[in-house]
N, C-alpha and C. Protein backbone atom coordinates (compact mmCIF):
# COMPACT_ATOMS: atom_id res chain seq x y z
N MET A 1 -16.71 -29.23 -5.53
CA MET A 1 -15.16 -28.39 -4.54
C MET A 1 -15.30 -26.96 -5.44
N LEU A 2 -15.53 -25.98 -4.78
CA LEU A 2 -15.77 -24.77 -5.23
C LEU A 2 -14.35 -24.21 -6.33
N SER A 3 -14.49 -23.32 -6.92
CA SER A 3 -13.31 -22.99 -7.65
C SER A 3 -11.99 -22.65 -7.14
N MET A 4 -11.19 -22.97 -7.84
CA MET A 4 -10.06 -22.41 -7.09
C MET A 4 -9.40 -21.05 -7.38
N ILE A 5 -8.65 -20.39 -6.38
CA ILE A 5 -8.15 -19.23 -6.45
C ILE A 5 -7.07 -18.94 -7.31
N GLU A 6 -6.92 -18.15 -8.26
CA GLU A 6 -5.73 -17.64 -8.71
C GLU A 6 -5.87 -16.27 -8.77
N LEU A 7 -4.13 -16.35 -8.67
CA LEU A 7 -3.30 -14.73 -8.56
C LEU A 7 -2.85 -14.44 -10.07
N ALA A 8 -3.19 -12.89 -10.56
CA ALA A 8 -2.84 -12.60 -11.92
C ALA A 8 -1.85 -11.67 -11.44
N PRO A 9 -0.89 -11.17 -11.50
CA PRO A 9 -0.11 -9.72 -11.59
C PRO A 9 -1.19 -8.93 -12.01
N LEU A 10 -1.07 -7.66 -11.10
CA LEU A 10 -1.94 -6.31 -11.63
C LEU A 10 -0.88 -5.30 -11.89
N MET A 11 0.30 -5.06 -11.11
CA MET A 11 0.64 -3.74 -10.85
C MET A 11 1.98 -3.66 -10.24
N ARG A 12 2.97 -3.30 -10.18
CA ARG A 12 3.98 -2.87 -9.25
C ARG A 12 3.82 -1.29 -9.13
N VAL A 13 3.72 -1.06 -7.57
CA VAL A 13 3.32 0.24 -7.03
C VAL A 13 4.33 0.99 -6.20
N LYS A 14 4.93 2.13 -6.91
CA LYS A 14 6.09 2.46 -6.01
C LYS A 14 5.55 3.78 -5.65
N VAL A 15 5.55 4.05 -4.16
CA VAL A 15 4.97 5.39 -3.58
C VAL A 15 6.07 6.14 -3.09
N SER A 16 6.18 7.12 -2.99
CA SER A 16 7.34 8.02 -2.66
C SER A 16 6.54 8.75 -1.35
N LEU A 17 7.63 9.34 -0.09
CA LEU A 17 6.56 9.11 1.10
C LEU A 17 7.21 10.58 1.81
N GLU A 18 6.72 11.17 2.57
CA GLU A 18 7.07 12.10 3.25
C GLU A 18 7.46 11.44 4.77
N PRO A 19 8.63 12.39 5.33
CA PRO A 19 8.66 11.65 6.73
C PRO A 19 7.71 11.32 7.79
N VAL A 20 7.60 10.28 8.55
CA VAL A 20 6.74 9.85 9.29
C VAL A 20 6.59 11.01 10.41
N ARG A 21 5.17 11.61 10.39
CA ARG A 21 4.64 12.39 11.40
C ARG A 21 3.88 11.44 12.86
N ASP A 22 4.84 11.36 13.75
CA ASP A 22 4.44 10.44 14.99
C ASP A 22 3.29 11.18 16.13
N LEU A 23 2.29 10.77 16.28
CA LEU A 23 1.26 11.60 17.14
C LEU A 23 1.13 11.09 18.43
N GLY A 24 1.73 10.39 18.40
CA GLY A 24 2.46 9.21 19.94
C GLY A 24 1.16 8.34 20.12
N ASP A 25 1.29 8.09 21.48
CA ASP A 25 0.08 7.28 21.89
C ASP A 25 -1.34 7.56 21.70
N THR A 26 -2.19 6.82 21.49
CA THR A 26 -3.82 7.56 21.24
C THR A 26 -4.40 6.20 22.20
N PRO A 27 -6.09 6.04 22.03
CA PRO A 27 -6.33 4.89 23.03
C PRO A 27 -6.45 3.93 21.97
N LEU A 28 -6.37 4.31 20.62
CA LEU A 28 -5.96 3.11 19.45
C LEU A 28 -4.54 2.33 19.34
N GLY A 29 -3.63 2.86 19.85
CA GLY A 29 -2.26 2.49 19.75
C GLY A 29 -1.51 3.71 19.03
N ARG A 30 0.00 3.57 18.90
CA ARG A 30 0.47 5.05 18.21
C ARG A 30 -0.02 4.78 16.88
N ARG A 31 -0.28 6.22 17.00
CA ARG A 31 -0.74 7.10 15.31
C ARG A 31 0.55 7.67 14.72
N ARG A 32 0.59 7.41 13.66
CA ARG A 32 1.41 7.88 12.85
C ARG A 32 1.29 8.28 11.33
N ILE A 33 1.06 9.12 10.75
CA ILE A 33 0.81 9.41 9.55
C ILE A 33 1.95 9.96 8.63
N ILE A 34 1.96 9.48 7.26
CA ILE A 34 2.95 9.07 6.50
C ILE A 34 2.38 9.71 5.43
N GLY A 35 2.80 10.91 4.90
CA GLY A 35 2.16 11.86 3.59
C GLY A 35 2.76 11.38 2.32
N ILE A 36 1.67 11.07 1.15
CA ILE A 36 2.37 10.35 0.05
C ILE A 36 2.43 11.83 -0.99
N THR A 37 3.97 11.77 -1.62
CA THR A 37 4.29 13.09 -2.33
C THR A 37 4.36 12.52 -3.74
N GLY A 38 3.89 11.42 -3.89
CA GLY A 38 3.89 10.93 -5.59
C GLY A 38 3.97 9.39 -5.59
N GLY A 39 4.71 9.21 -7.06
CA GLY A 39 5.52 7.70 -7.51
C GLY A 39 4.89 7.26 -8.52
N SER A 40 4.61 6.21 -8.88
CA SER A 40 4.32 5.50 -10.06
C SER A 40 3.71 4.01 -10.34
N PHE A 41 3.04 3.79 -11.32
CA PHE A 41 2.56 1.97 -11.10
C PHE A 41 2.37 2.04 -12.50
N GLU A 42 3.07 0.36 -12.51
CA GLU A 42 2.95 0.20 -13.83
C GLU A 42 2.54 -1.39 -13.99
N GLY A 43 1.81 -1.56 -14.90
CA GLY A 43 1.42 -3.44 -14.99
C GLY A 43 0.60 -3.54 -16.38
N PRO A 44 0.27 -4.92 -16.71
CA PRO A 44 -0.53 -5.25 -17.90
C PRO A 44 -1.20 -4.46 -18.38
N ARG A 45 -2.31 -3.88 -17.57
CA ARG A 45 -3.40 -3.12 -17.68
C ARG A 45 -4.00 -1.58 -17.64
N LEU A 46 -2.52 -1.20 -16.68
CA LEU A 46 -2.90 -0.04 -16.59
C LEU A 46 -1.52 0.38 -15.91
N SER A 47 -1.23 1.74 -16.12
CA SER A 47 -0.01 2.10 -15.62
C SER A 47 -0.17 3.85 -15.38
N GLY A 48 0.82 4.06 -14.60
CA GLY A 48 0.56 5.76 -14.74
C GLY A 48 1.40 6.50 -13.31
N ARG A 49 0.73 7.74 -12.87
CA ARG A 49 1.58 7.98 -12.25
C ARG A 49 0.58 8.32 -10.49
N ILE A 50 1.26 8.22 -9.31
CA ILE A 50 0.67 8.30 -7.69
C ILE A 50 0.35 10.03 -7.99
N LEU A 51 -0.61 10.84 -7.63
CA LEU A 51 -0.79 11.75 -7.66
C LEU A 51 -0.50 12.21 -5.79
N PRO A 52 0.17 13.66 -5.79
CA PRO A 52 0.54 14.12 -4.36
C PRO A 52 -0.80 13.88 -3.69
N GLY A 53 -0.90 13.70 -2.51
CA GLY A 53 -1.73 14.82 -1.35
C GLY A 53 -2.21 13.26 -0.74
N GLY A 54 -2.13 11.97 -0.75
CA GLY A 54 -2.73 10.58 -0.25
C GLY A 54 -1.88 10.85 1.22
N ALA A 55 -1.83 9.46 1.88
CA ALA A 55 -1.26 9.38 3.55
C ALA A 55 -1.52 8.14 3.91
N ASP A 56 -0.87 7.95 4.34
CA ASP A 56 -1.15 6.19 5.20
C ASP A 56 -1.59 6.71 6.49
N TRP A 57 -2.45 6.46 7.30
CA TRP A 57 -3.03 6.72 8.65
C TRP A 57 -2.69 5.54 9.29
N GLN A 58 -1.49 5.39 9.83
CA GLN A 58 -0.92 4.15 10.86
C GLN A 58 -1.40 4.09 12.27
N VAL A 59 -1.91 2.95 12.49
CA VAL A 59 -1.63 2.70 13.94
C VAL A 59 -0.63 1.44 14.49
N ILE A 60 -0.05 1.86 15.32
CA ILE A 60 0.93 0.77 15.64
C ILE A 60 0.17 -0.10 16.61
N ARG A 61 -0.29 -1.18 17.05
CA ARG A 61 -0.92 -1.72 18.03
C ARG A 61 -0.02 -2.24 19.23
N SER A 62 -0.88 -2.33 20.34
CA SER A 62 0.17 -2.83 21.37
C SER A 62 0.92 -4.16 21.20
N ASP A 63 0.57 -4.75 20.39
CA ASP A 63 1.15 -6.28 20.22
C ASP A 63 2.30 -6.06 19.01
N GLY A 64 2.90 -4.64 18.49
CA GLY A 64 3.60 -4.26 17.61
C GLY A 64 3.61 -4.40 15.95
N VAL A 65 1.97 -4.56 15.72
CA VAL A 65 1.63 -4.87 14.53
C VAL A 65 1.08 -3.18 14.23
N ALA A 66 1.97 -3.23 12.78
CA ALA A 66 1.37 -1.93 12.47
C ALA A 66 -0.01 -1.98 11.27
N TYR A 67 -0.86 -1.45 11.70
CA TYR A 67 -2.14 -1.31 10.92
C TYR A 67 -2.35 -0.28 9.62
N LEU A 68 -1.73 -0.60 8.61
CA LEU A 68 -1.60 0.25 7.61
C LEU A 68 -3.22 0.75 6.76
N ASP A 69 -3.56 1.67 6.66
CA ASP A 69 -4.67 2.69 5.89
C ASP A 69 -4.11 3.70 4.88
N ALA A 70 -3.89 3.27 3.84
CA ALA A 70 -3.37 4.50 2.82
C ALA A 70 -3.96 4.73 1.84
N ARG A 71 -4.50 5.63 1.47
CA ARG A 71 -5.32 6.12 0.33
C ARG A 71 -4.89 7.37 -0.31
N TYR A 72 -4.79 6.90 -1.39
CA TYR A 72 -4.21 7.61 -2.52
C TYR A 72 -4.60 7.55 -3.76
N THR A 73 -4.41 8.33 -4.92
CA THR A 73 -5.09 8.54 -6.35
C THR A 73 -4.12 8.21 -7.09
N LEU A 74 -4.55 7.14 -8.33
CA LEU A 74 -3.93 7.35 -9.48
C LEU A 74 -4.44 7.97 -10.33
N GLU A 75 -3.23 8.25 -11.29
CA GLU A 75 -3.38 8.94 -12.80
C GLU A 75 -3.16 7.80 -13.64
N THR A 76 -3.78 7.21 -14.58
CA THR A 76 -3.42 6.61 -15.71
C THR A 76 -3.05 7.38 -16.92
N GLY A 77 -1.83 7.01 -17.67
CA GLY A 77 -1.22 7.43 -18.84
C GLY A 77 -2.29 7.91 -19.63
N ASP A 78 -3.61 7.75 -19.70
CA ASP A 78 -4.76 8.35 -20.76
C ASP A 78 -5.62 9.23 -19.81
N GLY A 79 -5.16 9.52 -18.63
CA GLY A 79 -6.32 10.83 -17.56
C GLY A 79 -6.76 9.76 -16.66
N ALA A 80 -7.11 8.80 -16.47
CA ALA A 80 -8.05 8.56 -15.79
C ALA A 80 -7.78 8.69 -14.16
N LEU A 81 -8.88 8.40 -13.29
CA LEU A 81 -8.43 9.00 -11.83
C LEU A 81 -8.91 7.59 -10.96
N ILE A 82 -8.10 7.51 -10.31
CA ILE A 82 -8.48 5.66 -9.51
C ILE A 82 -8.31 6.07 -8.00
N TYR A 83 -8.79 6.30 -7.44
CA TYR A 83 -8.80 6.01 -5.88
C TYR A 83 -8.63 4.81 -5.33
N VAL A 84 -7.76 4.69 -4.36
CA VAL A 84 -6.94 3.59 -3.71
C VAL A 84 -7.48 3.36 -2.27
N ASN A 85 -7.76 2.47 -1.75
CA ASN A 85 -8.25 2.44 -0.41
C ASN A 85 -7.33 1.12 -0.27
N ASN A 86 -5.88 1.35 0.17
CA ASN A 86 -5.47 0.09 0.66
C ASN A 86 -5.24 0.07 2.49
N LYS A 87 -5.97 -1.59 2.96
CA LYS A 87 -5.44 -1.56 4.14
C LYS A 87 -4.80 -2.83 4.32
N GLY A 88 -3.84 -3.18 5.53
CA GLY A 88 -3.21 -3.88 5.57
C GLY A 88 -2.39 -3.95 6.95
N TYR A 89 -1.33 -4.95 7.11
CA TYR A 89 -0.65 -5.21 8.06
C TYR A 89 0.92 -5.18 7.99
N ARG A 90 1.78 -5.07 8.59
CA ARG A 90 3.47 -5.16 8.64
C ARG A 90 3.63 -5.42 9.99
N HIS A 91 4.35 -6.55 10.26
CA HIS A 91 4.97 -7.12 11.32
C HIS A 91 6.06 -7.97 11.17
N GLY A 92 6.89 -8.14 12.43
CA GLY A 92 8.12 -8.93 12.19
C GLY A 92 8.47 -9.03 13.37
N PRO A 93 9.98 -9.98 13.54
CA PRO A 93 11.01 -9.56 14.54
C PRO A 93 11.10 -8.11 15.07
N ALA A 94 11.55 -7.90 16.55
CA ALA A 94 11.39 -6.23 16.71
C ALA A 94 12.61 -5.92 16.54
N ASP A 95 13.76 -6.78 16.27
CA ASP A 95 14.96 -6.11 15.43
C ASP A 95 14.79 -5.72 14.40
N VAL A 96 14.30 -6.22 13.28
CA VAL A 96 13.80 -6.15 12.18
C VAL A 96 13.02 -4.78 11.68
N ILE A 97 11.85 -4.55 12.68
CA ILE A 97 10.72 -3.60 12.51
C ILE A 97 11.92 -2.13 12.99
N ALA A 98 12.97 -2.38 14.17
CA ALA A 98 13.38 -1.21 14.29
C ALA A 98 14.35 -0.92 13.21
N ARG A 99 14.88 -1.84 12.51
CA ARG A 99 15.80 -1.61 11.23
C ARG A 99 15.09 -0.74 10.51
N LEU A 100 13.81 -0.87 10.29
CA LEU A 100 12.92 -0.63 9.25
C LEU A 100 12.81 1.19 9.22
N ALA A 101 12.59 1.28 10.86
CA ALA A 101 12.22 2.50 11.70
C ALA A 101 13.20 3.22 11.51
N ARG A 102 14.66 2.74 11.47
CA ARG A 102 15.54 3.47 11.28
C ARG A 102 16.08 3.80 9.94
N GLY A 103 15.24 3.58 9.05
CA GLY A 103 15.17 3.90 7.35
C GLY A 103 16.24 2.92 6.63
N GLU A 104 16.79 1.70 7.65
CA GLU A 104 17.57 0.74 6.85
C GLU A 104 17.25 -0.20 5.91
N GLU A 105 18.00 -0.39 4.75
CA GLU A 105 17.46 -1.10 3.87
C GLU A 105 17.12 -2.64 4.55
N VAL A 106 15.98 -3.48 4.39
CA VAL A 106 15.56 -4.81 5.06
C VAL A 106 15.19 -5.34 3.77
N ASP A 107 15.58 -6.84 3.66
CA ASP A 107 14.69 -7.65 2.79
C ASP A 107 13.56 -8.13 3.13
N PRO A 108 12.49 -7.62 2.50
CA PRO A 108 10.94 -7.95 2.74
C PRO A 108 10.88 -9.27 3.35
N ALA A 109 11.73 -10.20 2.80
CA ALA A 109 11.64 -11.76 3.36
C ALA A 109 11.65 -11.73 4.75
N LEU A 110 12.16 -10.62 5.86
CA LEU A 110 12.22 -10.74 6.92
C LEU A 110 11.04 -10.47 7.54
N TYR A 111 10.09 -9.48 7.15
CA TYR A 111 8.97 -9.18 8.01
C TYR A 111 7.92 -9.71 6.61
N TYR A 112 6.37 -9.47 7.44
CA TYR A 112 5.26 -9.58 6.83
C TYR A 112 4.30 -8.38 6.49
N MET A 113 4.38 -7.87 5.09
CA MET A 113 3.75 -6.51 4.72
C MET A 113 2.95 -7.08 3.58
N ARG A 114 1.49 -7.00 4.15
CA ARG A 114 0.33 -7.84 3.18
C ARG A 114 -1.02 -6.69 3.41
N ALA A 115 -1.63 -6.36 2.26
CA ALA A 115 -2.67 -5.52 2.14
C ALA A 115 -3.89 -5.80 1.26
N THR A 116 -4.90 -5.22 1.19
CA THR A 116 -6.34 -5.52 0.22
C THR A 116 -6.29 -4.12 -0.21
N PRO A 117 -5.96 -3.79 -1.18
CA PRO A 117 -6.15 -2.47 -1.87
C PRO A 117 -7.52 -2.82 -2.43
N TRP A 118 -8.21 -1.54 -2.32
CA TRP A 118 -10.01 -1.50 -2.54
C TRP A 118 -9.84 -0.08 -4.19
N PHE A 119 -10.39 -0.40 -5.12
CA PHE A 119 -10.21 0.65 -6.05
C PHE A 119 -12.13 1.59 -6.14
N GLU A 120 -12.01 2.90 -7.00
CA GLU A 120 -13.27 3.52 -7.04
C GLU A 120 -13.00 4.35 -8.35
N THR A 121 -13.49 4.08 -9.32
CA THR A 121 -13.14 5.14 -10.48
C THR A 121 -14.76 4.94 -11.18
N SER A 122 -14.78 6.38 -11.81
CA SER A 122 -15.63 6.64 -12.65
C SER A 122 -15.18 6.43 -14.55
N ALA A 123 -14.03 5.96 -14.40
CA ALA A 123 -13.38 5.95 -15.96
C ALA A 123 -13.99 4.57 -16.30
N PRO A 124 -14.67 4.50 -17.42
CA PRO A 124 -15.37 3.20 -18.20
C PRO A 124 -13.94 2.27 -18.48
N ASN A 125 -12.81 2.87 -18.96
CA ASN A 125 -11.65 1.71 -19.38
C ASN A 125 -11.35 1.19 -18.22
N TYR A 126 -11.83 1.42 -17.03
CA TYR A 126 -11.23 1.15 -15.92
C TYR A 126 -12.04 0.56 -14.63
N ALA A 127 -13.23 0.53 -15.05
CA ALA A 127 -14.46 0.22 -14.15
C ALA A 127 -14.47 -1.23 -13.72
N TRP A 128 -13.61 -2.06 -14.52
CA TRP A 128 -13.76 -3.66 -14.23
C TRP A 128 -12.72 -3.70 -12.26
N LEU A 129 -11.98 -2.40 -12.32
CA LEU A 129 -11.37 -2.37 -10.60
C LEU A 129 -12.22 -2.05 -9.87
N ASN A 130 -13.36 -1.81 -10.14
CA ASN A 130 -14.71 -1.49 -9.03
C ASN A 130 -15.53 -2.94 -8.57
N ARG A 131 -15.12 -3.73 -9.43
CA ARG A 131 -15.62 -4.75 -8.50
C ARG A 131 -14.89 -6.27 -8.87
N THR A 132 -13.70 -5.58 -8.36
CA THR A 132 -12.26 -6.97 -8.47
C THR A 132 -11.48 -6.72 -7.08
N ILE A 133 -11.24 -8.25 -6.50
CA ILE A 133 -10.92 -8.48 -5.45
C ILE A 133 -9.35 -8.13 -5.57
N CYS A 134 -8.63 -7.41 -4.89
CA CYS A 134 -7.29 -7.38 -5.28
C CYS A 134 -5.91 -7.89 -3.51
N VAL A 135 -4.92 -8.18 -3.67
CA VAL A 135 -4.20 -8.49 -2.61
C VAL A 135 -2.52 -8.13 -3.08
N ALA A 136 -2.10 -7.53 -2.24
CA ALA A 136 -0.99 -6.70 -2.59
C ALA A 136 0.58 -7.44 -1.66
N SER A 137 1.30 -7.30 -1.61
CA SER A 137 2.66 -7.85 -0.90
C SER A 137 3.59 -6.74 -0.86
N GLY A 138 4.24 -5.77 -0.04
CA GLY A 138 5.06 -4.67 -0.08
C GLY A 138 6.04 -4.98 1.01
N ALA A 139 7.20 -4.03 0.65
CA ALA A 139 8.46 -3.80 1.18
C ALA A 139 8.44 -2.14 1.73
N ARG A 140 8.76 -1.72 2.92
CA ARG A 140 9.14 -0.33 3.17
C ARG A 140 10.83 -0.08 2.61
N ARG A 141 10.57 1.11 2.16
CA ARG A 141 12.15 1.80 1.77
C ARG A 141 12.13 2.80 2.79
N ALA A 142 13.59 3.41 2.80
CA ALA A 142 14.04 4.48 3.52
C ALA A 142 12.51 5.75 3.60
N ALA A 143 12.53 5.89 1.99
CA ALA A 143 11.62 7.02 1.72
C ALA A 143 10.63 6.80 0.81
N ALA A 144 10.02 5.23 0.73
CA ALA A 144 9.33 4.80 -0.09
C ALA A 144 8.37 3.61 0.18
N VAL A 145 7.44 3.07 -0.31
CA VAL A 145 7.05 2.24 -0.11
C VAL A 145 6.67 1.12 -1.82
N GLU A 146 7.20 -0.27 -1.67
CA GLU A 146 6.92 -0.72 -2.92
C GLU A 146 5.83 -1.80 -2.69
N LEU A 147 4.97 -2.04 -3.78
CA LEU A 147 3.94 -2.99 -3.46
C LEU A 147 3.74 -3.46 -4.62
N ASP A 148 3.59 -5.07 -4.67
CA ASP A 148 2.97 -6.00 -6.05
C ASP A 148 1.72 -6.06 -5.75
N PHE A 149 0.74 -5.42 -6.68
CA PHE A 149 -0.41 -5.84 -6.57
C PHE A 149 -0.92 -6.93 -7.34
N TYR A 150 -1.90 -7.71 -7.07
CA TYR A 150 -2.46 -8.75 -7.45
C TYR A 150 -4.19 -8.93 -7.39
N GLU A 151 -4.19 -9.61 -9.10
CA GLU A 151 -6.04 -9.24 -8.59
C GLU A 151 -6.35 -11.06 -8.79
N VAL A 152 -7.08 -11.10 -7.67
CA VAL A 152 -8.03 -12.61 -7.21
C VAL A 152 -8.65 -12.87 -8.33
N ARG A 153 -8.37 -14.05 -9.45
CA ARG A 153 -9.58 -14.28 -10.22
C ARG A 153 -9.98 -15.91 -9.96
């Protein structure tokens, strides 16, 4: 048998967001761009703030699934910069997704929001992120996203 996979908590990420810019239906689906204004992250081995300037370039597919493609920069407490490219899916019952779209507070257990974050950094203290597979579970809030990142061991 191959070695078993374990998940270890990496960090809790809180991302503050601009209002949705809805570009409408494109050949790929309904395109939405949500700017990232900042936020924070905290975990056992790294913590700091999310720099403004990133965004989530979403596509809502014809089957109702939101393809998430968020890119942003973390700045650790000791000044290191870490690029994050976080791709995933959000979907659920139509009424639950409609409530999220209206900015209502919705229990994240009622919908699926999972992602695979990839990291890129030149900081020696965090170089281990360049070769670590991670997964994330998320919740959409009215003006924010909360994500729990886990390191796959």
